[in-house]
């Protein structure tokens, strides 16, 4: 069964509502315990997950150049750093509890606003002047956290305590939240619900797993802050149901990040397959298809008896070129991605040399490494040059060399030809030149009648 984002959001809302009702109606099921070690472990884990999520979403920003995605990175960055940043400062202040309540709350409200902006505002591209968005996010996060710390520290003697203990129930403290704190918690819940709505709408419109995870996570976050408004144990040593819901946000975010990575690699593979298909289509069109089209046209002229003299020989030569081109394509398709360049060139040269009756010597540096597309292009050039040497130059020997200077040289002892007087397209010169230029290299040929032919490709 395929679950839409709205279905997942609905399930999360039901679970969050049930736990929130339990916290509100029956204090005995608040699952609240005093555990400083557990609180520290949860905050650390949440910080690590948020930092990982921010890093992965930033990779998405580099591809999409979206200001909305950058806002998500900023929000996750605030959550990641604040858990550690604000946990270290209170011990240096006299009014630690005041700082410990208000500084994280302001930070989380700002993070929530960043998420809501990313979810609800129209898509915007990054401005051109923002060349390094990652640096901008890090600087902005540091400035915001520093500003919050300085302002709250300056007002620490003015702000209310936020949370006070009014009694105990079965060993668990009964907490009372200041109205301003409760208002902040409710505001955070409302902002999270708005962000959940926006992310759900984006996810269903784009089939985006990260948006789906954020939508579900924001619903859990919203209900967690409703629980904190009912029992304001946030940022204390008491762990309750609201903390479990807040942890759920980070777990869902981790799952969404994993799905985002999987989708990225799947799309990368699809793009590679598409590019390979386009390359094969171009090669077949420029090679086999052109030769076969020529054969068909000339065969019809022969059938009608209107073909000029020498057509039979030209048709036979075109058929041979088409056969050679198809064999080259087959060899290229059977190349292994990890096959070393010197082995690939040797195999290709020897295969063609055996068919055209020449002896080939291959001297390629075994330490030379090139990308797969460059290796394939060099293989096709070697095939074409060796074939030309045997079929048209009547050569006996062909030398293929490629050393550390990254210059491919194919030299034969054949009859040679006058390069200046050669018609365009003859002997596959155009095909070799175009392949070399597509590889970012230069192509040169040196030949004279009776002096053999030398082909050079400079990478």
Protein backbone atom coordinates (compact mmCIF):
# COMPACT_ATOMS: atom_id res chain seq x y z
CA UNK A 1 0.00 0.00 0.00
CA UNK A 2 1.34 3.42 -0.93
CA UNK A 3 1.12 5.99 1.84
CA UNK A 4 0.76 9.62 0.90
CA UNK A 5 2.32 12.32 3.05
CA UNK A 6 -1.08 13.43 4.29
CA UNK A 7 -1.79 9.89 5.49
CA UNK A 8 1.47 9.81 7.41
CA UNK A 9 0.75 13.24 8.87
CA UNK A 10 -2.67 12.05 9.96
CA UNK A 11 -1.19 9.01 11.72
CA UNK A 12 1.40 11.20 13.47
CA UNK A 13 -1.36 13.62 14.51
CA UNK A 14 -3.45 10.81 16.01
CA UNK A 15 -0.49 9.42 17.96
CA UNK A 16 0.52 12.87 19.16
CA UNK A 17 -3.04 13.75 20.17
CA UNK A 18 -3.49 10.51 22.15
CA UNK A 19 -0.28 11.04 24.10
CA UNK A 20 -1.11 14.70 24.69
CA UNK A 21 -4.57 13.80 26.01
CA UNK A 22 -3.01 11.24 28.32
CA UNK A 23 -0.63 13.88 29.70
CA UNK A 24 -3.49 16.36 30.11
CA UNK A 25 -6.10 14.06 31.67
CA UNK A 26 -4.09 11.65 33.78
CA UNK A 27 -0.86 12.83 35.47
CA UNK A 28 -0.01 9.22 36.32
CA UNK A 29 0.67 8.43 32.64
CA UNK A 30 2.91 11.41 31.97
CA UNK A 31 5.87 9.02 31.83
CA UNK A 32 7.84 11.72 33.64
CA UNK A 33 11.07 10.71 35.35
CA UNK A 34 14.03 12.62 36.71
CA UNK A 35 17.05 11.42 34.72
CA UNK A 36 19.84 13.88 34.05
CA UNK A 37 21.89 11.26 32.15
CA UNK A 38 18.96 10.38 29.89
CA UNK A 39 18.30 14.07 29.22
CA UNK A 40 21.95 14.60 28.26
CA UNK A 41 21.94 11.54 26.00
CA UNK A 42 18.74 12.68 24.25
CA UNK A 43 20.01 16.22 23.70
CA UNK A 44 23.30 14.93 22.31
CA UNK A 45 21.61 12.48 19.96
CA UNK A 46 19.21 15.17 18.76
CA UNK A 47 22.08 17.57 18.13
CA UNK A 48 23.93 14.97 16.07
CA UNK A 49 20.84 14.10 14.01
CA UNK A 50 20.07 17.77 13.38
CA UNK A 51 23.66 18.43 12.31
CA UNK A 52 23.59 15.44 9.96
CA UNK A 53 20.29 16.61 8.51
CA UNK A 54 21.63 20.12 8.00
CA UNK A 55 24.66 18.75 6.17
CA UNK A 56 22.57 16.56 3.87
CA UNK A 57 20.07 19.30 3.10
CA UNK A 58 22.96 21.63 2.30
CA UNK A 59 24.01 19.13 -0.37
CA UNK A 60 20.53 19.55 -1.76
CA UNK A 61 20.94 23.35 -1.66
CA UNK A 62 24.03 23.12 -3.86
CA UNK A 63 21.95 21.34 -6.49
CA UNK A 64 18.67 23.25 -6.20
CA UNK A 65 20.04 26.73 -5.34
CA UNK A 66 16.80 27.16 -3.40
CA UNK A 67 16.46 29.79 -0.69
CA UNK A 68 13.72 27.68 0.92
CA UNK A 69 16.07 24.71 1.29
CA UNK A 70 18.68 27.03 2.76
CA UNK A 71 16.12 28.14 5.37
CA UNK A 72 15.73 24.46 6.37
CA UNK A 73 19.50 24.20 6.78
CA UNK A 74 19.44 27.32 8.96
CA UNK A 75 16.63 25.92 11.13
CA UNK A 76 18.39 22.58 11.59
CA UNK A 77 21.64 24.38 12.33
CA UNK A 78 20.00 26.36 15.11
CA UNK A 79 18.59 23.19 16.65
CA UNK A 80 21.88 21.31 16.33
CA UNK A 81 24.15 23.94 17.84
CA UNK A 82 21.80 25.22 20.52
CA UNK A 83 21.55 21.86 22.32
CA UNK A 84 25.27 22.02 23.04
CA UNK A 85 25.74 25.79 23.05
CA UNK A 86 23.13 26.62 25.69
CA UNK A 87 23.91 23.55 27.77
CA UNK A 88 27.44 24.84 28.46
CA UNK A 89 26.64 28.45 29.37
CA UNK A 90 24.22 28.18 32.32
CA UNK A 91 26.86 26.81 34.69
CA UNK A 92 28.70 30.12 34.41
CA UNK A 93 25.64 32.21 35.35
CA UNK A 94 24.11 32.83 38.74
CA UNK A 95 20.57 32.51 37.47
CA UNK A 96 21.12 29.31 35.55
CA UNK A 97 17.50 28.16 35.53
CA UNK A 98 16.29 31.44 34.00
CA UNK A 99 18.83 31.28 31.22
CA UNK A 100 18.29 27.56 30.70
CA UNK A 101 14.58 28.09 30.02
CA UNK A 102 14.44 31.30 27.99
CA UNK A 103 17.49 31.11 25.73
CA UNK A 104 16.61 27.70 24.19
CA UNK A 105 12.96 28.73 23.85
CA UNK A 106 13.83 31.84 21.83
CA UNK A 107 16.20 29.81 19.70
CA UNK A 108 13.56 27.15 18.99
CA UNK A 109 11.00 29.79 18.10
CA UNK A 110 13.42 31.23 15.54
CA UNK A 111 14.16 27.75 14.17
CA UNK A 112 10.42 27.13 13.89
CA UNK A 113 9.97 30.37 11.98
CA UNK A 114 12.75 29.31 9.59
CA UNK A 115 10.98 25.99 8.96
CA UNK A 116 7.63 27.73 8.48
CA UNK A 117 9.14 30.18 6.00
CA UNK A 118 10.69 27.31 4.03
CA UNK A 119 7.37 25.46 3.98
CA UNK A 120 4.89 28.27 3.35
CA UNK A 121 6.67 30.90 1.27
CA UNK A 122 6.93 30.55 -2.52
CA UNK A 123 10.13 29.05 -3.89
CA UNK A 124 12.93 31.54 -4.34
CA UNK A 125 16.33 31.08 -5.90
CA UNK A 126 19.46 32.06 -4.01
CA UNK A 127 20.54 35.60 -4.91
CA UNK A 128 23.55 35.83 -7.22
CA UNK A 129 25.63 37.63 -4.64
CA UNK A 130 25.32 34.67 -2.24
CA UNK A 131 28.14 32.62 -3.73
CA UNK A 132 28.91 30.60 -0.58
CA UNK A 133 25.60 29.83 1.16
CA UNK A 134 27.19 27.31 3.54
CA UNK A 135 29.48 29.93 5.02
CA UNK A 136 26.54 32.34 5.24
CA UNK A 137 24.47 29.81 7.22
CA UNK A 138 27.31 29.08 9.65
CA UNK A 139 27.93 32.78 10.24
CA UNK A 140 24.21 33.54 10.62
CA UNK A 141 23.76 30.65 13.07
CA UNK A 142 26.68 31.80 15.20
CA UNK A 143 25.48 35.40 15.20
CA UNK A 144 21.91 34.44 16.16
CA UNK A 145 23.00 32.14 18.97
CA UNK A 146 25.45 34.71 20.30
CA UNK A 147 22.82 37.44 20.16
CA UNK A 148 20.29 35.28 22.01
CA UNK A 149 22.82 34.40 24.68
CA UNK A 150 23.87 38.03 25.20
CA UNK A 151 20.32 39.39 25.32
CA UNK A 152 19.00 36.72 27.69
CA UNK A 153 22.09 37.05 29.89
CA UNK A 154 21.54 40.81 30.05
CA UNK A 155 17.90 40.30 31.06
CA UNK A 156 18.50 37.36 33.38
CA UNK A 157 17.60 39.42 36.47
CA UNK A 158 14.44 40.77 34.81
CA UNK A 159 12.98 37.64 33.24
CA UNK A 160 10.77 35.39 35.39
CA UNK A 161 12.04 31.98 36.43
CA UNK A 162 9.75 30.37 33.86
CA UNK A 163 9.23 27.13 35.78
CA UNK A 164 8.58 26.64 39.48
CA UNK A 165 7.94 23.53 41.60
CA UNK A 166 4.58 23.64 43.42
CA UNK A 167 4.51 20.15 44.91
CA UNK A 168 5.12 16.47 44.25
CA UNK A 169 2.90 13.71 42.96
CA UNK A 170 4.14 10.14 43.45
CA UNK A 171 7.69 11.39 43.68
CA UNK A 172 7.45 13.50 40.51
CA UNK A 173 7.62 17.29 40.90
CA UNK A 174 4.49 19.26 40.05
CA UNK A 175 5.64 22.13 37.83
CA UNK A 176 4.06 25.51 37.21
CA UNK A 177 4.91 27.46 34.06
CA UNK A 178 4.94 31.23 33.84
CA UNK A 179 2.20 32.54 31.48
CA UNK A 180 4.88 34.00 29.20
CA UNK A 181 6.58 30.62 28.97
CA UNK A 182 3.26 28.87 28.24
CA UNK A 183 2.53 31.43 25.53
CA UNK A 184 5.92 30.77 23.96
CA UNK A 185 5.35 27.01 24.01
CA UNK A 186 1.91 27.33 22.45
CA UNK A 187 3.34 29.68 19.81
CA UNK A 188 6.00 27.11 19.00
CA UNK A 189 3.30 24.44 18.62
CA UNK A 190 1.26 26.67 16.29
CA UNK A 191 4.29 27.52 14.15
CA UNK A 192 5.17 23.84 13.86
CA UNK A 193 1.63 22.94 12.77
CA UNK A 194 1.74 25.65 10.09
CA UNK A 195 5.10 24.33 8.89
CA UNK A 196 3.71 20.76 8.84
CA UNK A 197 0.87 21.89 6.58
CA UNK A 198 3.27 23.60 4.20
CA UNK A 199 5.72 20.69 4.05
CA UNK A 200 2.87 18.20 3.47
CA UNK A 201 1.60 20.26 0.55
CA UNK A 202 5.07 20.44 -0.97
CA UNK A 203 5.74 16.73 -0.46
CA UNK A 204 2.55 15.55 -2.19
CA UNK A 205 3.16 17.90 -5.10
CA UNK A 206 6.76 16.77 -5.65
CA UNK A 207 7.03 13.23 -4.25
CA UNK A 208 9.75 14.56 -1.97
CA UNK A 209 10.75 12.21 0.92
CA UNK A 210 12.55 14.95 2.85
CA UNK A 211 9.49 17.20 2.78
CA UNK A 212 7.37 14.24 3.91
CA UNK A 213 9.69 13.61 6.85
CA UNK A 214 9.64 17.27 7.84
CA UNK A 215 5.83 17.35 7.63
CA UNK A 216 5.47 14.33 9.92
CA UNK A 217 8.22 15.57 12.23
CA UNK A 218 6.64 19.00 12.57
CA UNK A 219 3.35 17.42 13.65
CA UNK A 220 5.17 15.47 16.37
CA UNK A 221 7.00 18.66 17.38
CA UNK A 222 3.73 20.58 17.64
CA UNK A 223 2.17 18.04 19.99
CA UNK A 224 5.39 17.80 22.00
CA UNK A 225 5.16 21.52 22.81
CA UNK A 226 1.50 21.16 23.73
CA UNK A 227 2.64 18.51 26.23
CA UNK A 228 5.28 20.94 27.53
CA UNK A 229 2.61 23.63 27.89
CA UNK A 230 0.60 21.19 30.01
CA UNK A 231 3.58 19.99 32.04
CA UNK A 232 6.43 22.53 31.52
CA UNK A 233 9.42 20.27 32.08
CA UNK A 234 11.24 21.45 28.96
CA UNK A 235 15.01 21.84 29.42
CA UNK A 236 14.91 20.44 32.94
CA UNK A 237 16.19 17.09 34.17
CA UNK A 238 12.67 15.66 33.94
CA UNK A 239 11.89 13.52 30.86
CA UNK A 240 8.24 13.10 29.89
CA UNK A 241 5.96 12.28 26.97
CA UNK A 242 6.70 15.59 25.25
CA UNK A 243 10.37 14.65 25.09
CA UNK A 244 9.46 11.36 23.44
CA UNK A 245 7.48 13.23 20.76
CA UNK A 246 10.32 15.71 20.23
CA UNK A 247 12.75 12.81 19.86
CA UNK A 248 10.31 11.39 17.29
CA UNK A 249 10.89 14.47 15.13
CA UNK A 250 14.63 13.73 14.95
CA UNK A 251 14.09 10.04 14.23
CA UNK A 252 11.72 10.89 11.38
CA UNK A 253 14.21 13.47 10.12
CA UNK A 254 16.93 10.79 10.11
CA UNK A 255 14.70 8.49 8.08
CA UNK A 256 13.89 11.31 5.65
CA UNK A 257 17.59 12.09 5.23
CA UNK A 258 18.26 8.45 4.37
CA UNK A 259 15.47 8.52 1.78
CA UNK A 260 16.89 11.77 0.38
CA UNK A 261 20.29 10.11 -0.10
CA UNK A 262 18.69 7.10 -1.77
CA UNK A 263 16.67 9.31 -4.10
CA UNK A 264 19.75 11.36 -4.99
CA UNK A 265 21.78 8.32 -6.03
CA UNK A 266 18.83 6.85 -7.92
CA UNK A 267 18.38 10.06 -9.87
CA UNK A 268 22.13 10.26 -10.48
CA UNK A 269 22.04 6.74 -11.93
CA UNK A 270 19.03 7.65 -14.09
CA UNK A 271 20.85 10.69 -15.45
CA UNK A 272 23.92 8.59 -16.22
CA UNK A 273 21.78 6.04 -18.07
CA UNK A 274 20.04 8.80 -20.02
CA UNK A 275 23.37 10.39 -20.98
CA UNK A 276 24.72 7.01 -22.07
CA UNK A 277 21.66 6.40 -24.23
CA UNK A 278 22.06 9.80 -25.87
CA UNK A 279 25.74 9.10 -26.54
CA UNK A 280 24.93 5.71 -28.08
CA UNK A 281 22.19 7.26 -30.21
CA UNK A 282 24.60 9.95 -31.43
CA UNK A 283 27.31 7.41 -32.24
CA UNK A 284 24.91 5.14 -34.10
CA UNK A 285 23.46 8.07 -36.02
CA UNK A 286 26.87 9.44 -36.99
CA UNK A 287 28.30 6.02 -37.85
CA UNK A 288 26.22 2.98 -38.68
CA UNK A 289 23.04 4.84 -39.60
CA UNK A 290 24.80 7.20 -42.00
CA UNK A 291 26.65 4.38 -43.75
CA UNK A 292 23.53 2.23 -44.06
CA UNK A 293 21.56 5.18 -45.41
CA UNK A 294 24.23 5.65 -48.07
CA UNK A 295 24.13 1.93 -48.92
CA UNK A 296 20.32 2.03 -49.32
CA UNK A 297 20.45 5.11 -51.55
CA UNK A 298 23.14 3.71 -53.83
CA UNK A 299 21.47 0.28 -53.96
CA UNK A 300 18.30 1.90 -55.30
CA UNK A 301 20.32 3.65 -58.01
CA UNK A 302 21.89 0.31 -58.93
CA UNK A 303 18.46 -1.29 -59.06
CA UNK A 304 17.20 1.38 -61.48
CA UNK A 305 20.38 1.22 -63.53
CA UNK A 306 21.18 4.91 -63.00
CA UNK A 307 24.16 4.52 -60.68
CA UNK A 308 27.42 6.19 -61.76
CA UNK A 309 30.54 4.11 -62.40
CA UNK A 310 32.28 2.80 -59.28
CA UNK A 311 29.09 2.63 -57.20
CA UNK A 312 29.57 -1.07 -56.43
CA UNK A 313 32.96 -0.40 -54.85
CA UNK A 314 31.66 2.54 -52.85
CA UNK A 315 28.67 0.55 -51.59
CA UNK A 316 30.97 -2.30 -50.54
CA UNK A 317 33.28 0.15 -48.72
CA UNK A 318 30.31 1.78 -46.93
CA UNK A 319 29.02 -1.63 -45.82
CA UNK A 320 32.46 -2.48 -44.45
CA UNK A 321 32.60 0.81 -42.56
CA UNK A 322 29.15 0.17 -41.09
CA UNK A 323 30.27 -3.29 -40.00
CA UNK A 324 33.42 -1.85 -38.43
CA UNK A 325 31.42 0.83 -36.66
CA UNK A 326 28.98 -1.72 -35.23
CA UNK A 327 31.89 -3.83 -33.96
CA UNK A 328 33.46 -0.78 -32.35
CA UNK A 329 30.19 0.01 -30.61
CA UNK A 330 29.98 -3.56 -29.31
CA UNK A 331 33.54 -3.38 -27.96
CA UNK A 332 32.81 -0.04 -26.31
CA UNK A 333 29.69 -1.47 -24.66
CA UNK A 334 31.61 -4.44 -23.28
CA UNK A 335 34.25 -2.27 -21.60
CA UNK A 336 34.29 -2.69 -17.83
CA UNK A 337 34.06 0.49 -15.80
CA UNK A 338 37.15 -0.46 -13.82
CA UNK A 339 39.24 -1.78 -16.75
CA UNK A 340 42.65 -0.02 -16.84
CA UNK A 341 43.27 2.28 -19.79
CA UNK A 342 46.31 0.38 -21.10
CA UNK A 343 44.39 -2.91 -21.19
CA UNK A 344 41.35 -1.34 -22.86
CA UNK A 345 43.46 0.26 -25.61
CA UNK A 346 45.48 -2.92 -26.17
CA UNK A 347 42.36 -5.08 -26.46
CA UNK A 348 40.67 -2.67 -28.87
CA UNK A 349 43.76 -2.23 -31.07
CA UNK A 350 44.48 -5.96 -31.27
CA UNK A 351 40.88 -6.80 -32.11
CA UNK A 352 40.80 -4.40 -35.07
CA UNK A 353 44.33 -5.32 -36.19
CA UNK A 354 43.37 -8.99 -36.39
CA UNK A 355 40.50 -8.19 -38.74
CA UNK A 356 42.39 -5.87 -41.09
CA UNK A 357 45.61 -7.90 -41.18
CA UNK A 358 48.18 -5.64 -39.52
CA UNK A 359 50.56 -6.14 -36.62
CA UNK A 360 49.99 -3.71 -33.78
CA UNK A 361 52.34 -2.72 -30.95
CA UNK A 362 50.77 -0.99 -27.95
CA UNK A 363 52.82 0.95 -25.39
CA UNK A 364 50.54 2.70 -22.90
CA UNK A 365 51.62 3.81 -19.42
CA UNK A 366 49.90 1.51 -16.90
CA UNK A 367 49.84 4.30 -14.31
CA UNK A 368 47.80 6.66 -16.48
CA UNK A 369 44.21 7.11 -15.28
CA UNK A 370 41.41 8.90 -17.10
CA UNK A 371 37.63 9.15 -16.56
CA UNK A 372 35.51 6.38 -18.17
CA UNK A 373 34.16 8.67 -20.91
CA UNK A 374 37.69 9.72 -21.88
CA UNK A 375 38.86 6.12 -21.93
CA UNK A 376 35.98 5.12 -24.20
CA UNK A 377 36.66 8.02 -26.57
CA UNK A 378 40.34 7.03 -26.84
CA UNK A 379 39.34 3.44 -27.54
CA UNK A 380 37.12 4.54 -30.43
CA UNK A 381 39.87 6.75 -31.88
CA UNK A 382 42.40 3.88 -31.73
CA UNK A 383 39.92 1.55 -33.41
CA UNK A 384 39.29 4.02 -36.22
CA UNK A 385 42.98 4.81 -36.77
CA UNK A 386 44.11 1.15 -36.82
CA UNK A 387 41.26 0.23 -39.16
CA UNK A 388 42.18 3.04 -41.54
CA UNK A 389 45.84 2.01 -41.48
CA UNK A 390 45.01 -1.55 -42.53
CA UNK A 391 42.12 -0.99 -44.92
CA UNK A 392 43.20 2.17 -46.70
CA UNK A 393 46.91 2.57 -46.01
CA UNK A 394 47.86 -1.10 -46.56
CA UNK A 395 50.12 -0.82 -43.52
CA UNK A 396 51.96 -3.81 -42.04
CA UNK A 397 52.75 -2.33 -38.61
CA UNK A 398 50.92 0.14 -36.37
CA UNK A 399 52.39 1.61 -33.19
CA UNK A 400 50.04 2.91 -30.47
CA UNK A 401 51.69 4.88 -27.65
CA UNK A 402 50.35 6.92 -24.75
CA UNK A 403 52.74 8.08 -22.03
CA UNK A 404 52.82 10.42 -19.04
CA UNK A 405 52.74 13.38 -21.46
CA UNK A 406 49.08 12.40 -22.13
CA UNK A 407 49.56 12.40 -25.90
CA UNK A 408 48.05 9.47 -27.82
CA UNK A 409 50.09 8.63 -30.93
CA UNK A 410 49.05 6.13 -33.61
CA UNK A 411 51.67 5.72 -36.34
CA UNK A 412 51.72 3.25 -39.26
CA UNK A 413 54.09 2.34 -42.08
CA UNK A 414 51.41 2.41 -44.76
CA UNK A 415 51.20 4.26 -48.04
CA UNK A 416 50.05 7.53 -46.51
CA UNK A 417 48.00 10.18 -48.30
CA UNK A 418 47.83 13.88 -49.02
CA UNK A 419 45.97 15.40 -46.08
CA UNK A 420 45.31 18.67 -47.89
CA UNK A 421 43.73 16.87 -50.84
CA UNK A 422 41.60 14.51 -48.76
CA UNK A 423 37.81 15.11 -49.06
CA UNK A 424 35.99 15.92 -45.82
CA UNK A 425 34.87 12.83 -44.00
CA UNK A 426 37.26 10.40 -45.66
CA UNK A 427 38.91 7.70 -43.55
CA UNK A 428 36.88 8.72 -40.52
CA UNK A 429 39.05 11.78 -39.90
CA UNK A 430 36.05 13.91 -39.01
CA UNK A 431 34.82 11.31 -36.51
CA UNK A 432 38.22 11.08 -34.80
CA UNK A 433 38.60 14.86 -34.66
CA UNK A 434 35.11 15.32 -33.16
CA UNK A 435 35.75 12.64 -30.54
CA UNK A 436 39.02 14.26 -29.52
CA UNK A 437 37.39 17.67 -29.21
CA UNK A 438 34.52 16.23 -27.13
CA UNK A 439 37.17 14.93 -24.74
CA UNK A 440 38.58 18.44 -24.42
CA UNK A 441 41.70 17.54 -26.40
CA UNK A 442 43.25 18.49 -29.75
CA UNK A 443 43.58 16.32 -32.84
CA UNK A 444 46.34 16.40 -35.44
CA UNK A 445 47.27 14.18 -38.37
CA UNK A 446 50.51 14.07 -40.33
CA UNK A 447 50.69 12.02 -43.53
CA UNK A 448 52.38 12.11 -46.91
CA UNK A 449 52.12 9.71 -49.87
CA UNK A 450 54.57 6.86 -49.33
CA UNK A 451 55.52 8.02 -45.82
CA UNK A 452 52.84 6.50 -43.60
CA UNK A 453 50.41 8.29 -41.30
CA UNK A 454 50.72 9.64 -37.77
CA UNK A 455 47.68 10.58 -35.64
CA UNK A 456 48.09 12.54 -32.41
CA UNK A 457 45.51 13.32 -29.76
CA UNK A 458 46.68 15.67 -27.01
CA UNK A 459 44.53 15.35 -23.88
